[in-house]
Amino acid sequence: MQNDILIFRTSVTHKQDIKRIESVLTQYPQINRWNIDFEDWEKILRIESKGISAADISKALQAVRIYISELK
């Protein structure tokens, strides 16, 4: 089965926000790889996963005050 690639615009403003994201995303074994493009003005979060929805990720990150919106 192929990985799903989810791409989000984020509310990340500081490098320390990445630690908060990491603390959430490492709890999901469905996520194989993720990164944030800190050079992009939208601070793009890219996630390679299997069996997890964009809504699940959004809800989990809201708990640590990181807000995302999926880009199609």
PDB file of N, CA and C in Angstrom:
ATOM      1  N   MET A   1       0.841  -1.195   0.000  1.00  0.00           N
ATOM      2  CA  MET A   1       0.000   0.000   0.000  1.00  0.00           C
ATOM      3  C   MET A   1       0.881   1.253   0.000  1.00  0.00           C
ATOM      4  N   GLN A   2       0.487   2.219  -0.786  1.00  0.00           N
ATOM      5  CA  GLN A   2       1.276   3.437  -0.945  1.00  0.00           C
ATOM      6  C   GLN A   2       0.982   4.436   0.176  1.00  0.00           C
ATOM      7  N   ASN A   3       1.988   5.216   0.525  1.00  0.00           N
ATOM      8  CA  ASN A   3       1.808   6.275   1.517  1.00  0.00           C
ATOM      9  C   ASN A   3       0.899   7.368   0.971  1.00  0.00           C
ATOM     10  N   ASP A   4       0.096   7.939   1.868  1.00  0.00           N
ATOM     11  CA  ASP A   4      -0.642   9.150   1.546  1.00  0.00           C
ATOM     12  C   ASP A   4       0.280  10.315   1.853  1.00  0.00           C
ATOM     13  N   ILE A   5       0.206  11.357   1.052  1.00  0.00           N
ATOM     14  CA  ILE A   5       0.976  12.558   1.334  1.00  0.00           C
ATOM     15  C   ILE A   5      -0.015  13.678   1.626  1.00  0.00           C
ATOM     16  N   LEU A   6       0.057  14.197   2.835  1.00  0.00           N
ATOM     17  CA  LEU A   6      -0.817  15.281   3.269  1.00  0.00           C
ATOM     18  C   LEU A   6       0.016  16.546   3.368  1.00  0.00           C
ATOM     19  N   ILE A   7      -0.524  17.640   2.859  1.00  0.00           N
ATOM     20  CA  ILE A   7       0.208  18.908   2.860  1.00  0.00           C
ATOM     21  C   ILE A   7      -0.675  19.976   3.488  1.00  0.00           C
ATOM     22  N   PHE A   8      -0.083  20.707   4.436  1.00  0.00           N
ATOM     23  CA  PHE A   8      -0.830  21.704   5.196  1.00  0.00           C
ATOM     24  C   PHE A   8      -0.105  23.035   5.259  1.00  0.00           C
ATOM     25  N   ARG A   9      -0.865  24.112   5.296  1.00  0.00           N
ATOM     26  CA  ARG A   9      -0.374  25.425   5.684  1.00  0.00           C
ATOM     27  C   ARG A   9      -0.468  25.429   7.205  1.00  0.00           C
ATOM     28  N   THR A  10       0.526  26.007   7.899  1.00  0.00           N
ATOM     29  CA  THR A  10       0.514  25.961   9.366  1.00  0.00           C
ATOM     30  C   THR A  10       0.601  27.352   9.989  1.00  0.00           C
ATOM     31  N   SER A  11       0.324  27.400  11.289  1.00  0.00           N
ATOM     32  CA  SER A  11       0.437  28.636  12.065  1.00  0.00           C
ATOM     33  C   SER A  11       1.805  28.757  12.736  1.00  0.00           C
ATOM     34  N   VAL A  12       2.747  27.914  12.352  1.00  0.00           N
ATOM     35  CA  VAL A  12       4.079  27.913  12.957  1.00  0.00           C
ATOM     36  C   VAL A  12       4.748  29.276  12.765  1.00  0.00           C
ATOM     37  N   THR A  13       5.286  29.817  13.855  1.00  0.00           N
ATOM     38  CA  THR A  13       6.012  31.082  13.763  1.00  0.00           C
ATOM     39  C   THR A  13       7.419  30.987  14.343  1.00  0.00           C
ATOM     40  N   HIS A  14       7.646  30.029  15.219  1.00  0.00           N
ATOM     41  CA  HIS A  14       8.950  29.895  15.882  1.00  0.00           C
ATOM     42  C   HIS A  14       9.467  28.464  15.741  1.00  0.00           C
ATOM     43  N   LYS A  15      10.758  28.325  15.776  1.00  0.00           N
ATOM     44  CA  LYS A  15      11.361  26.995  15.698  1.00  0.00           C
ATOM     45  C   LYS A  15      10.865  26.099  16.837  1.00  0.00           C
ATOM     46  N   GLN A  16      10.567  26.683  18.009  1.00  0.00           N
ATOM     47  CA  GLN A  16      10.099  25.862  19.134  1.00  0.00           C
ATOM     48  C   GLN A  16       8.726  25.237  18.858  1.00  0.00           C
ATOM     49  N   ASP A  17       7.961  25.811  17.924  1.00  0.00           N
ATOM     50  CA  ASP A  17       6.676  25.205  17.541  1.00  0.00           C
ATOM     51  C   ASP A  17       6.894  23.806  16.956  1.00  0.00           C
ATOM     52  N   ILE A  18       8.032  23.605  16.322  1.00  0.00           N
ATOM     53  CA  ILE A  18       8.331  22.301  15.723  1.00  0.00           C
ATOM     54  C   ILE A  18       8.415  21.234  16.803  1.00  0.00           C
ATOM     55  N   LYS A  19       8.948  21.569  17.961  1.00  0.00           N
ATOM     56  CA  LYS A  19       9.014  20.607  19.070  1.00  0.00           C
ATOM     57  C   LYS A  19       7.616  20.200  19.513  1.00  0.00           C
ATOM     58  N   ARG A  20       6.685  21.154  19.529  1.00  0.00           N
ATOM     59  CA  ARG A  20       5.303  20.828  19.912  1.00  0.00           C
ATOM     60  C   ARG A  20       4.667  19.912  18.868  1.00  0.00           C
ATOM     61  N   ILE A  21       4.929  20.186  17.606  1.00  0.00           N
ATOM     62  CA  ILE A  21       4.409  19.331  16.539  1.00  0.00           C
ATOM     63  C   ILE A  21       4.990  17.929  16.664  1.00  0.00           C
ATOM     64  N   GLU A  22       6.294  17.865  16.884  1.00  0.00           N
ATOM     65  CA  GLU A  22       6.958  16.567  17.016  1.00  0.00           C
ATOM     66  C   GLU A  22       6.372  15.761  18.170  1.00  0.00           C
ATOM     67  N   SER A  23       6.082  16.411  19.286  1.00  0.00           N
ATOM     68  CA  SER A  23       5.540  15.700  20.449  1.00  0.00           C
ATOM     69  C   SER A  23       4.188  15.062  20.135  1.00  0.00           C
ATOM     70  N   VAL A  24       3.437  15.673  19.233  1.00  0.00           N
ATOM     71  CA  VAL A  24       2.130  15.128  18.838  1.00  0.00           C
ATOM     72  C   VAL A  24       2.299  14.046  17.767  1.00  0.00           C
ATOM     73  N   LEU A  25       3.024  14.354  16.723  1.00  0.00           N
ATOM     74  CA  LEU A  25       3.096  13.439  15.578  1.00  0.00           C
ATOM     75  C   LEU A  25       3.806  12.131  15.896  1.00  0.00           C
ATOM     76  N   THR A  26       4.733  12.139  16.845  1.00  0.00           N
ATOM     77  CA  THR A  26       5.427  10.896  17.194  1.00  0.00           C
ATOM     78  C   THR A  26       4.502   9.897  17.888  1.00  0.00           C
ATOM     79  N   GLN A  27       3.335  10.342  18.308  1.00  0.00           N
ATOM     80  CA  GLN A  27       2.368   9.439  18.948  1.00  0.00           C
ATOM     81  C   GLN A  27       1.599   8.593  17.936  1.00  0.00           C
ATOM     82  N   TYR A  28       1.759   8.893  16.652  1.00  0.00           N
ATOM     83  CA  TYR A  28       1.003   8.198  15.610  1.00  0.00           C
ATOM     84  C   TYR A  28       1.899   7.283  14.787  1.00  0.00           C
ATOM     85  N   PRO A  29       1.779   5.962  14.991  1.00  0.00           N
ATOM     86  CA  PRO A  29       2.613   5.040  14.206  1.00  0.00           C
ATOM     87  C   PRO A  29       2.262   5.055  12.712  1.00  0.00           C
ATOM     88  N   GLN A  30       1.086   5.605  12.353  1.00  0.00           N
ATOM     89  CA  GLN A  30       0.689   5.676  10.937  1.00  0.00           C
ATOM     90  C   GLN A  30       1.533   6.698  10.171  1.00  0.00           C
ATOM     91  N   ILE A  31       2.185   7.612  10.893  1.00  0.00           N
ATOM     92  CA  ILE A  31       2.984   8.649  10.236  1.00  0.00           C
ATOM     93  C   ILE A  31       4.410   8.132  10.056  1.00  0.00           C
ATOM     94  N   ASN A  32       4.818   8.043   8.800  1.00  0.00           N
ATOM     95  CA  ASN A  32       6.150   7.525   8.481  1.00  0.00           C
ATOM     96  C   ASN A  32       7.211   8.614   8.483  1.00  0.00           C
ATOM     97  N   ARG A  33       6.843   9.785   7.979  1.00  0.00           N
ATOM     98  CA  ARG A  33       7.807  10.874   7.841  1.00  0.00           C
ATOM     99  C   ARG A  33       7.044  12.182   7.790  1.00  0.00           C
ATOM    100  N   TRP A  34       7.671  13.236   8.308  1.00  0.00           N
ATOM    101  CA  TRP A  34       7.059  14.565   8.217  1.00  0.00           C
ATOM    102  C   TRP A  34       8.157  15.614   8.250  1.00  0.00           C
ATOM    103  N   ASN A  35       7.848  16.783   7.697  1.00  0.00           N
ATOM    104  CA  ASN A  35       8.781  17.907   7.785  1.00  0.00           C
ATOM    105  C   ASN A  35       8.034  19.215   7.599  1.00  0.00           C
ATOM    106  N   ILE A  36       8.694  20.289   8.000  1.00  0.00           N
ATOM    107  CA  ILE A  36       8.140  21.631   7.828  1.00  0.00           C
ATOM    108  C   ILE A  36       9.119  22.441   7.001  1.00  0.00           C
ATOM    109  N   ASP A  37       8.594  23.092   5.977  1.00  0.00           N
ATOM    110  CA  ASP A  37       9.405  23.984   5.159  1.00  0.00           C
ATOM    111  C   ASP A  37       9.391  25.361   5.814  1.00  0.00           C
ATOM    112  N   PHE A  38      10.412  25.620   6.608  1.00  0.00           N
ATOM    113  CA  PHE A  38      10.473  26.871   7.362  1.00  0.00           C
ATOM    114  C   PHE A  38      10.796  28.059   6.458  1.00  0.00           C
ATOM    115  N   GLU A  39      11.294  27.786   5.261  1.00  0.00           N
ATOM    116  CA  GLU A  39      11.619  28.869   4.321  1.00  0.00           C
ATOM    117  C   GLU A  39      10.359  29.407   3.632  1.00  0.00           C
ATOM    118  N   ASP A  40       9.349  28.561   3.499  1.00  0.00           N
ATOM    119  CA  ASP A  40       8.101  28.961   2.844  1.00  0.00           C
ATOM    120  C   ASP A  40       7.298  29.851   3.787  1.00  0.00           C
ATOM    121  N   TRP A  41       6.681  30.903   3.269  1.00  0.00           N
ATOM    122  CA  TRP A  41       5.935  31.837   4.130  1.00  0.00           C
ATOM    123  C   TRP A  41       4.729  31.176   4.786  1.00  0.00           C
ATOM    124  N   GLU A  42       4.218  30.091   4.194  1.00  0.00           N
ATOM    125  CA  GLU A  42       3.078  29.376   4.784  1.00  0.00           C
ATOM    126  C   GLU A  42       3.507  28.293   5.769  1.00  0.00           C
ATOM    127  N   LYS A  43       4.828  28.129   5.935  1.00  0.00           N
ATOM    128  CA  LYS A  43       5.386  27.106   6.844  1.00  0.00           C
ATOM    129  C   LYS A  43       4.716  25.751   6.577  1.00  0.00           C
ATOM    130  N   ILE A  44       4.935  25.240   5.384  1.00  0.00           N
ATOM    131  CA  ILE A  44       4.263  24.037   4.901  1.00  0.00           C
ATOM    132  C   ILE A  44       4.695  22.797   5.683  1.00  0.00           C
ATOM    133  N   LEU A  45       3.692  22.068   6.184  1.00  0.00           N
ATOM    134  CA  LEU A  45       3.899  20.786   6.856  1.00  0.00           C
ATOM    135  C   LEU A  45       3.534  19.697   5.858  1.00  0.00           C
ATOM    136  N   ARG A  46       4.472  18.781   5.630  1.00  0.00           N
ATOM    137  CA  ARG A  46       4.257  17.665   4.710  1.00  0.00           C
ATOM    138  C   ARG A  46       4.363  16.380   5.513  1.00  0.00           C
ATOM    139  N   ILE A  47       3.336  15.539   5.390  1.00  0.00           N
ATOM    140  CA  ILE A  47       3.283  14.297   6.163  1.00  0.00           C
ATOM    141  C   ILE A  47       3.080  13.123   5.220  1.00  0.00           C
ATOM    142  N   GLU A  48       3.930  12.093   5.372  1.00  0.00           N
ATOM    143  CA  GLU A  48       3.747  10.835   4.663  1.00  0.00           C
ATOM    144  C   GLU A  48       3.182   9.853   5.671  1.00  0.00           C
ATOM    145  N   SER A  49       2.008   9.300   5.360  1.00  0.00           N
ATOM    146  CA  SER A  49       1.335   8.440   6.334  1.00  0.00           C
ATOM    147  C   SER A  49       0.471   7.398   5.644  1.00  0.00           C
ATOM    148  N   LYS A  50      -0.037   6.490   6.448  1.00  0.00           N
ATOM    149  CA  LYS A  50      -1.010   5.496   5.998  1.00  0.00           C
ATOM    150  C   LYS A  50      -2.117   5.440   7.033  1.00  0.00           C
ATOM    151  N   GLY A  51      -3.353   5.653   6.591  1.00  0.00           N
ATOM    152  CA  GLY A  51      -4.488   5.421   7.465  1.00  0.00           C
ATOM    153  C   GLY A  51      -4.765   6.476   8.513  1.00  0.00           C
ATOM    154  N   ILE A  52      -4.358   7.704   8.274  1.00  0.00           N
ATOM    155  CA  ILE A  52      -4.698   8.786   9.192  1.00  0.00           C
ATOM    156  C   ILE A  52      -5.224   9.945   8.349  1.00  0.00           C
ATOM    157  N   SER A  53      -6.269  10.571   8.822  1.00  0.00           N
ATOM    158  CA  SER A  53      -6.888  11.632   8.016  1.00  0.00           C
ATOM    159  C   SER A  53      -6.323  13.007   8.362  1.00  0.00           C
ATOM    160  N   ALA A  54      -6.513  13.923   7.442  1.00  0.00           N
ATOM    161  CA  ALA A  54      -6.113  15.317   7.678  1.00  0.00           C
ATOM    162  C   ALA A  54      -6.852  15.877   8.885  1.00  0.00           C
ATOM    163  N   ALA A  55      -8.119  15.496   9.044  1.00  0.00           N
ATOM    164  CA  ALA A  55      -8.908  15.976  10.185  1.00  0.00           C
ATOM    165  C   ALA A  55      -8.333  15.470  11.509  1.00  0.00           C
ATOM    166  N   ASP A  56      -7.870  14.220  11.540  1.00  0.00           N
ATOM    167  CA  ASP A  56      -7.263  13.661  12.760  1.00  0.00           C
ATOM    168  C   ASP A  56      -6.005  14.443  13.135  1.00  0.00           C
ATOM    169  N   ILE A  57      -5.189  14.745  12.147  1.00  0.00           N
ATOM    170  CA  ILE A  57      -3.947  15.473  12.402  1.00  0.00           C
ATOM    171  C   ILE A  57      -4.259  16.889  12.871  1.00  0.00           C
ATOM    172  N   SER A  58      -5.197  17.538  12.219  1.00  0.00           N
ATOM    173  CA  SER A  58      -5.578  18.898  12.587  1.00  0.00           C
ATOM    174  C   SER A  58      -6.064  18.967  14.034  1.00  0.00           C
ATOM    175  N   LYS A  59      -6.927  18.035  14.389  1.00  0.00           N
ATOM    176  CA  LYS A  59      -7.478  18.001  15.757  1.00  0.00           C
ATOM    177  C   LYS A  59      -6.366  17.771  16.788  1.00  0.00           C
ATOM    178  N   ALA A  60      -5.466  16.852  16.489  1.00  0.00           N
ATOM    179  CA  ALA A  60      -4.372  16.549  17.418  1.00  0.00           C
ATOM    180  C   ALA A  60      -3.464  17.765  17.616  1.00  0.00           C
ATOM    181  N   LEU A  61      -3.152  18.477  16.535  1.00  0.00           N
ATOM    182  CA  LEU A  61      -2.259  19.630  16.636  1.00  0.00           C
ATOM    183  C   LEU A  61      -2.932  20.824  17.313  1.00  0.00           C
ATOM    184  N   GLN A  62      -4.243  20.947  17.181  1.00  0.00           N
ATOM    185  CA  GLN A  62      -4.957  22.030  17.868  1.00  0.00           C
ATOM    186  C   GLN A  62      -4.777  21.935  19.380  1.00  0.00           C
ATOM    187  N   ALA A  63      -4.620  20.713  19.878  1.00  0.00           N
ATOM    188  CA  ALA A  63      -4.430  20.512  21.320  1.00  0.00           C
ATOM    189  C   ALA A  63      -3.154  21.185  21.827  1.00  0.00           C
ATOM    190  N   VAL A  64      -2.173  21.398  20.943  1.00  0.00           N
ATOM    191  CA  VAL A  64      -0.936  22.093  21.332  1.00  0.00           C
ATOM    192  C   VAL A  64      -0.848  23.467  20.658  1.00  0.00           C
ATOM    193  N   ARG A  65      -2.012  24.004  20.284  1.00  0.00           N
ATOM    194  CA  ARG A  65      -2.141  25.350  19.721  1.00  0.00           C
ATOM    195  C   ARG A  65      -1.362  25.550  18.421  1.00  0.00           C
ATOM    196  N   ILE A  66      -1.341  24.517  17.603  1.00  0.00           N
ATOM    197  CA  ILE A  66      -0.810  24.624  16.245  1.00  0.00           C
ATOM    198  C   ILE A  66      -2.006  24.429  15.320  1.00  0.00           C
ATOM    199  N   TYR A  67      -2.225  25.393  14.458  1.00  0.00           N
ATOM    200  CA  TYR A  67      -3.388  25.349  13.567  1.00  0.00           C
ATOM    201  C   TYR A  67      -2.929  25.128  12.144  1.00  0.00           C
ATOM    202  N   ILE A  68      -3.615  24.226  11.458  1.00  0.00           N
ATOM    203  CA  ILE A  68      -3.229  23.864  10.103  1.00  0.00           C
ATOM    204  C   ILE A  68      -4.459  23.860   9.192  1.00  0.00           C
ATOM    205  N   SER A  69      -4.218  24.050   7.912  1.00  0.00           N
ATOM    206  CA  SER A  69      -5.293  23.869   6.934  1.00  0.00           C
ATOM    207  C   SER A  69      -4.693  23.102   5.746  1.00  0.00           C
ATOM    208  N   GLU A  70      -5.427  22.111   5.321  1.00  0.00           N
ATOM    209  CA  GLU A  70      -4.928  21.239   4.253  1.00  0.00           C
ATOM    210  C   GLU A  70      -4.909  21.970   2.925  1.00  0.00           C
ATOM    211  N   LEU A  71      -3.844  21.761   2.181  1.00  0.00           N
ATOM    212  CA  LEU A  71      -3.726  22.294   0.827  1.00  0.00           C
ATOM    213  C   LEU A  71      -3.987  21.141  -0.128  1.00  0.00           C
ATOM    214  N   LYS A  72      -4.784  21.378  -1.126  1.00  0.00           N
ATOM    215  CA  LYS A  72      -5.123  20.309  -2.106  1.00  0.00           C
ATOM    216  C   LYS A  72      -4.196  20.364  -3.293  1.00  0.00           C
TER     217      LYS A  72
END
